[in-house]
PDB file of all heavy atoms in Angstrom:
ATOM      1  N   ASN A   1      -0.718   6.970 -18.458  1.00  0.00           N
ATOM      2  CA  ASN A   1      -1.880   7.289 -17.626  1.00  0.00           C
ATOM      3  C   ASN A   1      -1.801   6.702 -16.223  1.00  0.00           C
ATOM      4  O   ASN A   1      -2.649   6.996 -15.387  1.00  0.00           O
ATOM      5  CB  ASN A   1      -3.162   6.771 -18.292  1.00  0.00           C
ATOM      6  CG  ASN A   1      -3.721   7.751 -19.293  1.00  0.00           C
ATOM      7  OD1 ASN A   1      -3.214   8.862 -19.433  1.00  0.00           O
ATOM      8  ND2 ASN A   1      -4.748   7.356 -20.014  1.00  0.00           N
ATOM      9  N   PHE A   2      -0.803   5.867 -15.959  1.00  0.00           N
ATOM     10  CA  PHE A   2      -0.703   5.231 -14.650  1.00  0.00           C
ATOM     11  C   PHE A   2       0.676   5.452 -14.040  1.00  0.00           C
ATOM     12  O   PHE A   2       1.260   4.566 -13.443  1.00  0.00           O
ATOM     13  CB  PHE A   2      -1.023   3.732 -14.768  1.00  0.00           C
ATOM     14  CG  PHE A   2      -2.453   3.481 -15.152  1.00  0.00           C
ATOM     15  CD1 PHE A   2      -2.804   3.330 -16.486  1.00  0.00           C
ATOM     16  CD2 PHE A   2      -3.443   3.443 -14.195  1.00  0.00           C
ATOM     17  CE1 PHE A   2      -4.132   3.126 -16.854  1.00  0.00           C
ATOM     18  CE2 PHE A   2      -4.771   3.243 -14.547  1.00  0.00           C
ATOM     19  CZ  PHE A   2      -5.118   3.080 -15.871  1.00  0.00           C
ATOM     20  N   LEU A   3       1.169   6.679 -14.189  1.00  0.00           N
ATOM     21  CA  LEU A   3       2.440   7.066 -13.591  1.00  0.00           C
ATOM     22  C   LEU A   3       2.306   8.498 -13.084  1.00  0.00           C
ATOM     23  O   LEU A   3       2.087   9.423 -13.863  1.00  0.00           O
ATOM     24  CB  LEU A   3       3.569   6.972 -14.629  1.00  0.00           C
ATOM     25  CG  LEU A   3       4.955   7.441 -14.181  1.00  0.00           C
ATOM     26  CD1 LEU A   3       5.436   6.649 -12.988  1.00  0.00           C
ATOM     27  CD2 LEU A   3       5.951   7.348 -15.333  1.00  0.00           C
ATOM     28  N   GLY A   4       2.422   8.662 -11.770  1.00  0.00           N
ATOM     29  CA  GLY A   4       2.288   9.994 -11.188  1.00  0.00           C
ATOM     30  C   GLY A   4       2.876  10.026  -9.789  1.00  0.00           C
ATOM     31  O   GLY A   4       3.478   9.050  -9.309  1.00  0.00           O
ATOM     32  N   GLY A   5       2.699  11.150  -9.125  1.00  0.00           N
ATOM     33  CA  GLY A   5       3.248  11.319  -7.783  1.00  0.00           C
ATOM     34  C   GLY A   5       2.784  10.256  -6.809  1.00  0.00           C
ATOM     35  O   GLY A   5       3.535   9.858  -5.903  1.00  0.00           O
ATOM     36  N   GLU A   6       1.554   9.760  -6.984  1.00  0.00           N
ATOM     37  CA  GLU A   6       1.041   8.718  -6.097  1.00  0.00           C
ATOM     38  C   GLU A   6       1.865   7.439  -6.198  1.00  0.00           C
ATOM     39  O   GLU A   6       1.992   6.688  -5.231  1.00  0.00           O
ATOM     40  CB  GLU A   6      -0.424   8.420  -6.430  1.00  0.00           C
ATOM     41  CG  GLU A   6      -1.376   9.569  -6.149  1.00  0.00           C
ATOM     42  CD  GLU A   6      -1.514   9.872  -4.664  1.00  0.00           C
ATOM     43  OE1 GLU A   6      -1.386   8.923  -3.862  1.00  0.00           O
ATOM     44  OE2 GLU A   6      -1.737  11.041  -4.311  1.00  0.00           O
ATOM     45  N   ASP A   7       2.420   7.173  -7.378  1.00  0.00           N
ATOM     46  CA  ASP A   7       3.231   5.964  -7.556  1.00  0.00           C
ATOM     47  C   ASP A   7       4.569   6.088  -6.835  1.00  0.00           C
ATOM     48  O   ASP A   7       5.100   5.102  -6.322  1.00  0.00           O
ATOM     49  CB  ASP A   7       3.439   5.702  -9.048  1.00  0.00           C
ATOM     50  CG  ASP A   7       2.119   5.475  -9.761  1.00  0.00           C
ATOM     51  OD1 ASP A   7       1.537   4.401  -9.585  1.00  0.00           O
ATOM     52  OD2 ASP A   7       1.659   6.395 -10.462  1.00  0.00           O
ATOM     53  N   PHE A   8       5.117   7.299  -6.761  1.00  0.00           N
ATOM     54  CA  PHE A   8       6.346   7.518  -6.001  1.00  0.00           C
ATOM     55  C   PHE A   8       6.076   7.349  -4.506  1.00  0.00           C
ATOM     56  O   PHE A   8       6.902   6.808  -3.772  1.00  0.00           O
ATOM     57  CB  PHE A   8       6.918   8.899  -6.306  1.00  0.00           C
ATOM     58  CG  PHE A   8       7.521   9.021  -7.679  1.00  0.00           C
ATOM     59  CD1 PHE A   8       6.718   9.243  -8.796  1.00  0.00           C
ATOM     60  CD2 PHE A   8       8.890   8.902  -7.864  1.00  0.00           C
ATOM     61  CE1 PHE A   8       7.270   9.338 -10.070  1.00  0.00           C
ATOM     62  CE2 PHE A   8       9.453   8.998  -9.137  1.00  0.00           C
ATOM     63  CZ  PHE A   8       8.643   9.217 -10.237  1.00  0.00           C
ATOM     64  N   SER A   9       4.892   7.799  -4.060  1.00  0.00           N
ATOM     65  CA  SER A   9       4.511   7.593  -2.660  1.00  0.00           C
ATOM     66  C   SER A   9       4.334   6.107  -2.366  1.00  0.00           C
ATOM     67  O   SER A   9       4.708   5.624  -1.289  1.00  0.00           O
ATOM     68  CB  SER A   9       3.200   8.336  -2.358  1.00  0.00           C
ATOM     69  OG  SER A   9       3.341   9.724  -2.540  1.00  0.00           O
ATOM     70  N   ALA A  10       3.773   5.380  -3.332  1.00  0.00           N
ATOM     71  CA  ALA A  10       3.569   3.939  -3.142  1.00  0.00           C
ATOM     72  C   ALA A  10       4.899   3.211  -2.995  1.00  0.00           C
ATOM     73  O   ALA A  10       4.996   2.232  -2.238  1.00  0.00           O
ATOM     74  CB  ALA A  10       2.766   3.375  -4.315  1.00  0.00           C
ATOM     75  N   VAL A  11       5.939   3.659  -3.717  1.00  0.00           N
ATOM     76  CA  VAL A  11       7.273   3.058  -3.572  1.00  0.00           C
ATOM     77  C   VAL A  11       7.765   3.221  -2.139  1.00  0.00           C
ATOM     78  O   VAL A  11       8.303   2.285  -1.527  1.00  0.00           O
ATOM     79  CB  VAL A  11       8.262   3.694  -4.571  1.00  0.00           C
ATOM     80  CG1 VAL A  11       9.701   3.341  -4.217  1.00  0.00           C
ATOM     81  CG2 VAL A  11       7.945   3.240  -5.986  1.00  0.00           C
ATOM     82  N   LEU A  12       7.587   4.418  -1.586  1.00  0.00           N
ATOM     83  CA  LEU A  12       7.990   4.659  -0.202  1.00  0.00           C
ATOM     84  C   LEU A  12       7.205   3.769   0.764  1.00  0.00           C
ATOM     85  O   LEU A  12       7.773   3.190   1.698  1.00  0.00           O
ATOM     86  CB  LEU A  12       7.767   6.129   0.163  1.00  0.00           C
ATOM     87  CG  LEU A  12       8.828   7.145  -0.254  1.00  0.00           C
ATOM     88  CD1 LEU A  12       8.403   8.536   0.187  1.00  0.00           C
ATOM     89  CD2 LEU A  12      10.175   6.797   0.360  1.00  0.00           C
ATOM     90  N   LEU A  13       5.907   3.678   0.540  1.00  0.00           N
ATOM     91  CA  LEU A  13       5.050   2.889   1.423  1.00  0.00           C
ATOM     92  C   LEU A  13       5.474   1.422   1.406  1.00  0.00           C
ATOM     93  O   LEU A  13       5.573   0.771   2.456  1.00  0.00           O
ATOM     94  CB  LEU A  13       3.591   3.037   0.989  1.00  0.00           C
ATOM     95  CG  LEU A  13       2.523   2.417   1.901  1.00  0.00           C
ATOM     96  CD1 LEU A  13       2.575   3.035   3.285  1.00  0.00           C
ATOM     97  CD2 LEU A  13       1.136   2.601   1.288  1.00  0.00           C
ATOM     98  N   ASP A  14       5.755   0.897   0.224  1.00  0.00           N
ATOM     99  CA  ASP A  14       6.188  -0.498   0.106  1.00  0.00           C
ATOM    100  C   ASP A  14       7.548  -0.719   0.770  1.00  0.00           C
ATOM    101  O   ASP A  14       7.780  -1.751   1.416  1.00  0.00           O
ATOM    102  CB  ASP A  14       6.247  -0.913  -1.364  1.00  0.00           C
ATOM    103  CG  ASP A  14       4.868  -1.037  -1.991  1.00  0.00           C
ATOM    104  OD1 ASP A  14       3.885  -1.144  -1.236  1.00  0.00           O
ATOM    105  OD2 ASP A  14       4.774  -1.006  -3.242  1.00  0.00           O
ATOM    106  N   ALA A  15       8.458   0.248   0.603  1.00  0.00           N
ATOM    107  CA  ALA A  15       9.784   0.116   1.220  1.00  0.00           C
ATOM    108  C   ALA A  15       9.674   0.133   2.745  1.00  0.00           C
ATOM    109  O   ALA A  15      10.343  -0.648   3.440  1.00  0.00           O
ATOM    110  CB  ALA A  15      10.701   1.239   0.741  1.00  0.00           C
ATOM    111  N   LEU A  16       8.834   1.021   3.256  1.00  0.00           N
ATOM    112  CA  LEU A  16       8.614   1.083   4.707  1.00  0.00           C
ATOM    113  C   LEU A  16       8.033  -0.232   5.221  1.00  0.00           C
ATOM    114  O   LEU A  16       8.481  -0.774   6.237  1.00  0.00           O
ATOM    115  CB  LEU A  16       7.669   2.240   5.033  1.00  0.00           C
ATOM    116  CG  LEU A  16       7.162   2.328   6.477  1.00  0.00           C
ATOM    117  CD1 LEU A  16       8.322   2.602   7.438  1.00  0.00           C
ATOM    118  CD2 LEU A  16       6.094   3.417   6.602  1.00  0.00           C
ATOM    119  N   ALA A  17       7.040  -0.744   4.508  1.00  0.00           N
ATOM    120  CA  ALA A  17       6.395  -1.996   4.925  1.00  0.00           C
ATOM    121  C   ALA A  17       7.379  -3.156   4.905  1.00  0.00           C
ATOM    122  O   ALA A  17       7.379  -4.008   5.801  1.00  0.00           O
ATOM    123  CB  ALA A  17       5.203  -2.287   4.015  1.00  0.00           C
ATOM    124  N   THR A  18       8.245  -3.204   3.885  1.00  0.00           N
ATOM    125  CA  THR A  18       9.224  -4.283   3.781  1.00  0.00           C
ATOM    126  C   THR A  18      10.249  -4.210   4.907  1.00  0.00           C
ATOM    127  O   THR A  18      10.567  -5.226   5.555  1.00  0.00           O
ATOM    128  CB  THR A  18       9.941  -4.219   2.417  1.00  0.00           C
ATOM    129  OG1 THR A  18       8.976  -4.371   1.375  1.00  0.00           O
ATOM    130  CG2 THR A  18      10.979  -5.315   2.305  1.00  0.00           C
ATOM    131  N   GLU A  19      10.757  -2.997   5.158  1.00  0.00           N
ATOM    132  CA  GLU A  19      11.820  -2.841   6.160  1.00  0.00           C
ATOM    133  C   GLU A  19      11.330  -3.123   7.571  1.00  0.00           C
ATOM    134  O   GLU A  19      12.072  -3.629   8.409  1.00  0.00           O
ATOM    135  CB  GLU A  19      12.397  -1.433   6.062  1.00  0.00           C
ATOM    136  CG  GLU A  19      13.654  -1.233   6.896  1.00  0.00           C
ATOM    137  CD  GLU A  19      14.383   0.054   6.530  1.00  0.00           C
ATOM    138  OE1 GLU A  19      14.387   0.417   5.345  1.00  0.00           O
ATOM    139  OE2 GLU A  19      14.957   0.682   7.437  1.00  0.00           O
ATOM    140  N   HIS A  20      10.057  -2.800   7.850  1.00  0.00           N
ATOM    141  CA  HIS A  20       9.536  -2.963   9.203  1.00  0.00           C
ATOM    142  C   HIS A  20       8.509  -4.088   9.312  1.00  0.00           C
ATOM    143  O   HIS A  20       7.775  -4.163  10.292  1.00  0.00           O
ATOM    144  CB  HIS A  20       8.927  -1.642   9.685  1.00  0.00           C
ATOM    145  CG  HIS A  20       9.946  -0.566   9.940  1.00  0.00           C
ATOM    146  ND1 HIS A  20      10.698  -0.514  11.090  1.00  0.00           N
ATOM    147  CD2 HIS A  20      10.354   0.477   9.178  1.00  0.00           C
ATOM    148  CE1 HIS A  20      11.518   0.521  11.042  1.00  0.00           C
ATOM    149  NE2 HIS A  20      11.323   1.145   9.885  1.00  0.00           N
ATOM    150  N   ALA A  21       8.440  -4.935   8.284  1.00  0.00           N
ATOM    151  CA  ALA A  21       7.558  -6.115   8.312  1.00  0.00           C
ATOM    152  C   ALA A  21       6.110  -5.737   8.650  1.00  0.00           C
ATOM    153  O   ALA A  21       5.487  -6.315   9.540  1.00  0.00           O
ATOM    154  CB  ALA A  21       8.094  -7.148   9.301  1.00  0.00           C
ATOM    155  N   ILE A  22       5.584  -4.735   7.918  1.00  0.00           N
ATOM    156  CA  ILE A  22       4.190  -4.312   8.101  1.00  0.00           C
ATOM    157  C   ILE A  22       3.333  -4.982   7.039  1.00  0.00           C
ATOM    158  O   ILE A  22       3.630  -4.888   5.840  1.00  0.00           O
ATOM    159  CB  ILE A  22       4.055  -2.775   7.988  1.00  0.00           C
ATOM    160  CG1 ILE A  22       4.930  -2.081   9.034  1.00  0.00           C
ATOM    161  CG2 ILE A  22       2.600  -2.353   8.132  1.00  0.00           C
ATOM    162  CD1 ILE A  22       5.037  -0.576   8.826  1.00  0.00           C
ATOM    163  N   ASN A  23       2.284  -5.645   7.443  1.00  0.00           N
ATOM    164  CA  ASN A  23       1.347  -6.261   6.500  1.00  0.00           C
ATOM    165  C   ASN A  23       0.294  -5.218   6.128  1.00  0.00           C
ATOM    166  O   ASN A  23      -0.685  -5.018   6.855  1.00  0.00           O
ATOM    167  CB  ASN A  23       0.695  -7.493   7.123  1.00  0.00           C
ATOM    168  CG  ASN A  23      -0.195  -8.233   6.129  1.00  0.00           C
ATOM    169  OD1 ASN A  23      -0.464  -7.736   5.029  1.00  0.00           O
ATOM    170  ND2 ASN A  23      -0.651  -9.411   6.506  1.00  0.00           N
ATOM    171  N   LEU A  24       0.516  -4.542   5.017  1.00  0.00           N
ATOM    172  CA  LEU A  24      -0.381  -3.455   4.620  1.00  0.00           C
ATOM    173  C   LEU A  24      -1.807  -3.943   4.390  1.00  0.00           C
ATOM    174  O   LEU A  24      -2.773  -3.245   4.706  1.00  0.00           O
ATOM    175  CB  LEU A  24       0.145  -2.770   3.354  1.00  0.00           C
ATOM    176  CG  LEU A  24       1.492  -2.042   3.491  1.00  0.00           C
ATOM    177  CD1 LEU A  24       1.963  -1.544   2.135  1.00  0.00           C
ATOM    178  CD2 LEU A  24       1.376  -0.881   4.470  1.00  0.00           C
ATOM    179  N   GLU A  25      -1.948  -5.143   3.833  1.00  0.00           N
ATOM    180  CA  GLU A  25      -3.281  -5.662   3.524  1.00  0.00           C
ATOM    181  C   GLU A  25      -4.085  -5.925   4.786  1.00  0.00           C
ATOM    182  O   GLU A  25      -5.321  -5.880   4.770  1.00  0.00           O
ATOM    183  CB  GLU A  25      -3.168  -6.948   2.700  1.00  0.00           C
ATOM    184  CG  GLU A  25      -2.488  -6.777   1.346  1.00  0.00           C
ATOM    185  CD  GLU A  25      -3.217  -5.777   0.467  1.00  0.00           C
ATOM    186  OE1 GLU A  25      -4.460  -5.772   0.506  1.00  0.00           O
ATOM    187  OE2 GLU A  25      -2.545  -5.012  -0.255  1.00  0.00           O
ATOM    188  N   ALA A  26      -3.390  -6.216   5.888  1.00  0.00           N
ATOM    189  CA  ALA A  26      -4.095  -6.548   7.136  1.00  0.00           C
ATOM    190  C   ALA A  26      -4.456  -5.320   7.962  1.00  0.00           C
ATOM    191  O   ALA A  26      -5.203  -5.429   8.946  1.00  0.00           O
ATOM    192  CB  ALA A  26      -3.233  -7.490   7.974  1.00  0.00           C
ATOM    193  N   LEU A  27      -3.949  -4.151   7.578  1.00  0.00           N
ATOM    194  CA  LEU A  27      -4.233  -2.939   8.357  1.00  0.00           C
ATOM    195  C   LEU A  27      -5.691  -2.514   8.201  1.00  0.00           C
ATOM    196  O   LEU A  27      -6.256  -2.600   7.101  1.00  0.00           O
ATOM    197  CB  LEU A  27      -3.339  -1.792   7.897  1.00  0.00           C
ATOM    198  CG  LEU A  27      -1.845  -1.866   8.219  1.00  0.00           C
ATOM    199  CD1 LEU A  27      -1.132  -0.646   7.659  1.00  0.00           C
ATOM    200  CD2 LEU A  27      -1.622  -1.961   9.719  1.00  0.00           C
ATOM    201  N   PRO A  28      -6.324  -2.023   9.269  1.00  0.00           N
ATOM    202  CA  PRO A  28      -7.654  -1.414   9.121  1.00  0.00           C
ATOM    203  C   PRO A  28      -7.579  -0.236   8.151  1.00  0.00           C
ATOM    204  O   PRO A  28      -6.539   0.423   8.044  1.00  0.00           O
ATOM    205  CB  PRO A  28      -7.988  -0.949  10.548  1.00  0.00           C
ATOM    206  CG  PRO A  28      -7.076  -1.719  11.440  1.00  0.00           C
ATOM    207  CD  PRO A  28      -5.832  -1.999  10.648  1.00  0.00           C
ATOM    208  N   SER A  29      -8.677   0.028   7.464  1.00  0.00           N
ATOM    209  CA  SER A  29      -8.660   1.074   6.434  1.00  0.00           C
ATOM    210  C   SER A  29      -8.284   2.434   7.004  1.00  0.00           C
ATOM    211  O   SER A  29      -7.575   3.210   6.352  1.00  0.00           O
ATOM    212  CB  SER A  29     -10.021   1.144   5.732  1.00  0.00           C
ATOM    213  OG  SER A  29     -11.061   1.322   6.675  1.00  0.00           O
ATOM    214  N   SER A  30      -8.713   2.736   8.220  1.00  0.00           N
ATOM    215  CA  SER A  30      -8.380   4.042   8.803  1.00  0.00           C
ATOM    216  C   SER A  30      -6.886   4.140   9.096  1.00  0.00           C
ATOM    217  O   SER A  30      -6.261   5.179   8.870  1.00  0.00           O
ATOM    218  CB  SER A  30      -9.176   4.279  10.091  1.00  0.00           C
ATOM    219  OG  SER A  30      -8.892   3.268  11.047  1.00  0.00           O
ATOM    220  N   GLU A  31      -6.295   3.035   9.576  1.00  0.00           N
ATOM    221  CA  GLU A  31      -4.862   3.040   9.871  1.00  0.00           C
ATOM    222  C   GLU A  31      -4.052   3.095   8.581  1.00  0.00           C
ATOM    223  O   GLU A  31      -3.002   3.738   8.513  1.00  0.00           O
ATOM    224  CB  GLU A  31      -4.511   1.798  10.693  1.00  0.00           C
ATOM    225  CG  GLU A  31      -3.225   1.955  11.483  1.00  0.00           C
ATOM    226  CD  GLU A  31      -3.069   0.882  12.551  1.00  0.00           C
ATOM    227  OE1 GLU A  31      -4.022   0.126  12.799  1.00  0.00           O
ATOM    228  OE2 GLU A  31      -1.967   0.812  13.138  1.00  0.00           O
ATOM    229  N   ARG A  32      -4.545   2.408   7.540  1.00  0.00           N
ATOM    230  CA  ARG A  32      -3.867   2.447   6.243  1.00  0.00           C
ATOM    231  C   ARG A  32      -3.911   3.865   5.664  1.00  0.00           C
ATOM    232  O   ARG A  32      -2.910   4.363   5.132  1.00  0.00           O
ATOM    233  CB  ARG A  32      -4.558   1.472   5.286  1.00  0.00           C
ATOM    234  CG  ARG A  32      -4.064   1.495   3.835  1.00  0.00           C
ATOM    235  CD  ARG A  32      -2.702   0.881   3.681  1.00  0.00           C
ATOM    236  NE  ARG A  32      -2.245   0.941   2.288  1.00  0.00           N
ATOM    237  CZ  ARG A  32      -2.341  -0.065   1.434  1.00  0.00           C
ATOM    238  NH1 ARG A  32      -2.863  -1.218   1.820  1.00  0.00           N
ATOM    239  NH2 ARG A  32      -1.899   0.065   0.197  1.00  0.00           N
ATOM    240  N   ALA A  33      -5.062   4.539   5.773  1.00  0.00           N
ATOM    241  CA  ALA A  33      -5.185   5.911   5.266  1.00  0.00           C
ATOM    242  C   ALA A  33      -4.272   6.860   6.029  1.00  0.00           C
ATOM    243  O   ALA A  33      -3.641   7.750   5.442  1.00  0.00           O
ATOM    244  CB  ALA A  33      -6.636   6.378   5.362  1.00  0.00           C
ATOM    245  N   GLN A  34      -4.180   6.665   7.348  1.00  0.00           N
ATOM    246  CA  GLN A  34      -3.307   7.506   8.161  1.00  0.00           C
ATOM    247  C   GLN A  34      -1.844   7.299   7.774  1.00  0.00           C
ATOM    248  O   GLN A  34      -1.079   8.264   7.631  1.00  0.00           O
ATOM    249  CB  GLN A  34      -3.504   7.171   9.636  1.00  0.00           C
ATOM    250  CG  GLN A  34      -2.616   7.979  10.582  1.00  0.00           C
ATOM    251  CD  GLN A  34      -2.867   7.615  12.033  1.00  0.00           C
ATOM    252  OE1 GLN A  34      -3.947   7.147  12.376  1.00  0.00           O
ATOM    253  NE2 GLN A  34      -1.878   7.812  12.894  1.00  0.00           N
ATOM    254  N   LEU A  35      -1.457   6.036   7.555  1.00  0.00           N
ATOM    255  CA  LEU A  35      -0.082   5.732   7.156  1.00  0.00           C
ATOM    256  C   LEU A  35       0.233   6.338   5.794  1.00  0.00           C
ATOM    257  O   LEU A  35       1.314   6.912   5.582  1.00  0.00           O
ATOM    258  CB  LEU A  35       0.120   4.217   7.125  1.00  0.00           C
ATOM    259  CG  LEU A  35       1.512   3.714   6.724  1.00  0.00           C
ATOM    260  CD1 LEU A  35       2.571   4.246   7.670  1.00  0.00           C
ATOM    261  CD2 LEU A  35       1.538   2.188   6.686  1.00  0.00           C
ATOM    262  N   THR A  36      -0.714   6.256   4.859  1.00  0.00           N
ATOM    263  CA  THR A  36      -0.513   6.821   3.527  1.00  0.00           C
ATOM    264  C   THR A  36      -0.286   8.324   3.610  1.00  0.00           C
ATOM    265  O   THR A  36       0.586   8.881   2.929  1.00  0.00           O
ATOM    266  CB  THR A  36      -1.727   6.514   2.630  1.00  0.00           C
ATOM    267  OG1 THR A  36      -1.882   5.095   2.526  1.00  0.00           O
ATOM    268  CG2 THR A  36      -1.550   7.108   1.246  1.00  0.00           C
TER     269      THR A  36
END
């Protein structure tokens, strides 16, 4: 019940954040939604 396309997108988002040193938790919600 907790495995779907959104989880594959989350892997990409985490990899992007790691490679470019982006603090996802510190992003404003609108910027986080745009990035997603």
